[in-house]
Amino acid sequence: MSVLAILKALLSLVDYLAKYAHDKQLLDAGEYKAIARNNAEALNNIKAAQDARDNVSDDDDDILHDPDNRDK
């Protein structure tokens, strides 16, 4: 085997590893974006629930006529 064939094989291996690392980085970035999007959605849902709770007074009558009451 010639030196050039060995060099070509090594460069092909390095090229493959570089492409793999690049693709893995892109996949990880996409995963982190999805996690961030899900966290933002969860925080928005929590804020909506807190706002609904804060907008209701403690009167029994007010709780029964609350438009956000899920017990209806």
C-alpha atoms as a PDB file:
ATOM      1  CA  MET A   1       0.000   0.000   0.000  1.00  0.00           C
ATOM      2  CA  SER A   2       1.362   3.353  -0.907  1.00  0.00           C
ATOM      3  CA  VAL A   3       1.693   6.330   1.379  1.00  0.00           C
ATOM      4  CA  LEU A   4      -0.853   8.244  -0.693  1.00  0.00           C
ATOM      5  CA  ALA A   5      -3.488   5.520  -0.255  1.00  0.00           C
ATOM      6  CA  ILE A   6      -2.952   5.579   3.506  1.00  0.00           C
ATOM      7  CA  LEU A   7      -3.179   9.381   3.571  1.00  0.00           C
ATOM      8  CA  LYS A   8      -6.350   9.266   1.488  1.00  0.00           C
ATOM      9  CA  ALA A   9      -7.919   6.747   3.875  1.00  0.00           C
ATOM     10  CA  LEU A  10      -6.971   8.854   6.907  1.00  0.00           C
ATOM     11  CA  LEU A  11      -8.374  12.011   5.329  1.00  0.00           C
ATOM     12  CA  SER A  12     -11.597  10.200   4.471  1.00  0.00           C
ATOM     13  CA  LEU A  13     -11.897   9.071   8.085  1.00  0.00           C
ATOM     14  CA  VAL A  14     -11.247  12.584   9.400  1.00  0.00           C
ATOM     15  CA  ASP A  15     -13.805  13.980   6.939  1.00  0.00           C
ATOM     16  CA  TYR A  16     -16.399  11.453   8.125  1.00  0.00           C
ATOM     17  CA  LEU A  17     -15.739  12.286  11.789  1.00  0.00           C
ATOM     18  CA  ALA A  18     -15.995  16.025  11.114  1.00  0.00           C
ATOM     19  CA  LYS A  19     -19.326  15.595   9.312  1.00  0.00           C
ATOM     20  CA  TYR A  20     -20.610  13.400  12.142  1.00  0.00           C
ATOM     21  CA  ALA A  21     -19.629  15.995  14.773  1.00  0.00           C
ATOM     22  CA  HIS A  22     -21.264  18.768  12.738  1.00  0.00           C
ATOM     23  CA  ASP A  23     -24.500  16.805  12.302  1.00  0.00           C
ATOM     24  CA  LYS A  24     -24.558  15.900  15.998  1.00  0.00           C
ATOM     25  CA  GLN A  25     -24.123  19.555  16.922  1.00  0.00           C
ATOM     26  CA  LEU A  26     -27.069  20.516  14.704  1.00  0.00           C
ATOM     27  CA  LEU A  27     -29.252  17.794  16.207  1.00  0.00           C
ATOM     28  CA  ASP A  28     -28.347  18.855  19.738  1.00  0.00           C
ATOM     29  CA  ALA A  29     -29.109  22.501  18.934  1.00  0.00           C
ATOM     30  CA  GLY A  30     -32.511  21.513  17.563  1.00  0.00           C
ATOM     31  CA  GLU A  31     -33.219  19.456  20.660  1.00  0.00           C
ATOM     32  CA  TYR A  32     -32.322  22.352  22.944  1.00  0.00           C
ATOM     33  CA  LYS A  33     -34.561  24.686  20.946  1.00  0.00           C
ATOM     34  CA  ALA A  34     -37.455  22.248  21.339  1.00  0.00           C
ATOM     35  CA  ILE A  35     -36.835  22.034  25.084  1.00  0.00           C
ATOM     36  CA  ALA A  36     -36.760  25.827  25.359  1.00  0.00           C
ATOM     37  CA  ARG A  37     -39.999  26.103  23.359  1.00  0.00           C
ATOM     38  CA  ASN A  38     -41.713  23.537  25.621  1.00  0.00           C
ATOM     39  CA  ASN A  39     -40.479  25.322  28.742  1.00  0.00           C
ATOM     40  CA  ALA A  40     -41.820  28.649  27.465  1.00  0.00           C
ATOM     41  CA  GLU A  41     -45.203  27.048  26.733  1.00  0.00           C
ATOM     42  CA  ALA A  42     -45.319  25.507  30.217  1.00  0.00           C
ATOM     43  CA  LEU A  43     -44.457  28.848  31.817  1.00  0.00           C
ATOM     44  CA  ASN A  44     -47.215  30.552  29.821  1.00  0.00           C
ATOM     45  CA  ASN A  45     -49.725  27.929  30.993  1.00  0.00           C
ATOM     46  CA  ILE A  46     -48.620  28.367  34.600  1.00  0.00           C
ATOM     47  CA  LYS A  47     -48.933  32.154  34.323  1.00  0.00           C
ATOM     48  CA  ALA A  48     -52.425  31.823  32.842  1.00  0.00           C
ATOM     49  CA  ALA A  49     -53.452  29.566  35.720  1.00  0.00           C
ATOM     50  CA  GLN A  50     -51.992  31.959  38.287  1.00  0.00           C
ATOM     51  CA  ASP A  51     -53.734  34.931  36.656  1.00  0.00           C
ATOM     52  CA  ALA A  52     -57.065  33.079  36.660  1.00  0.00           C
ATOM     53  CA  ARG A  53     -56.614  32.216  40.328  1.00  0.00           C
ATOM     54  CA  ASP A  54     -55.647  35.787  41.230  1.00  0.00           C
ATOM     55  CA  ASN A  55     -58.680  37.254  39.424  1.00  0.00           C
ATOM     56  CA  VAL A  56     -61.182  35.371  41.592  1.00  0.00           C
ATOM     57  CA  SER A  57     -62.181  36.748  44.963  1.00  0.00           C
ATOM     58  CA  ASP A  58     -62.800  34.507  47.956  1.00  0.00           C
ATOM     59  CA  ASP A  59     -66.589  34.996  47.916  1.00  0.00           C
ATOM     60  CA  ASP A  60     -68.555  31.803  47.342  1.00  0.00           C
ATOM     61  CA  ASP A  61     -70.803  33.623  44.900  1.00  0.00           C
ATOM     62  CA  ASP A  62     -67.854  34.941  42.875  1.00  0.00           C
ATOM     63  CA  ILE A  63     -66.296  31.474  42.628  1.00  0.00           C
ATOM     64  CA  LEU A  64     -69.554  29.993  41.318  1.00  0.00           C
ATOM     65  CA  HIS A  65     -69.839  32.645  38.587  1.00  0.00           C
ATOM     66  CA  ASP A  66     -66.187  32.619  37.598  1.00  0.00           C
ATOM     67  CA  PRO A  67     -65.885  32.169  33.789  1.00  0.00           C
ATOM     68  CA  ASP A  68     -62.598  30.317  34.262  1.00  0.00           C
ATOM     69  CA  ASN A  69     -64.066  27.810  36.714  1.00  0.00           C
ATOM     70  CA  ARG A  70     -63.392  24.338  35.330  1.00  0.00           C
ATOM     71  CA  ASP A  71     -65.802  22.649  37.761  1.00  0.00           C
ATOM     72  CA  LYS A  72     -68.799  23.668  35.641  1.00  0.00           C
END
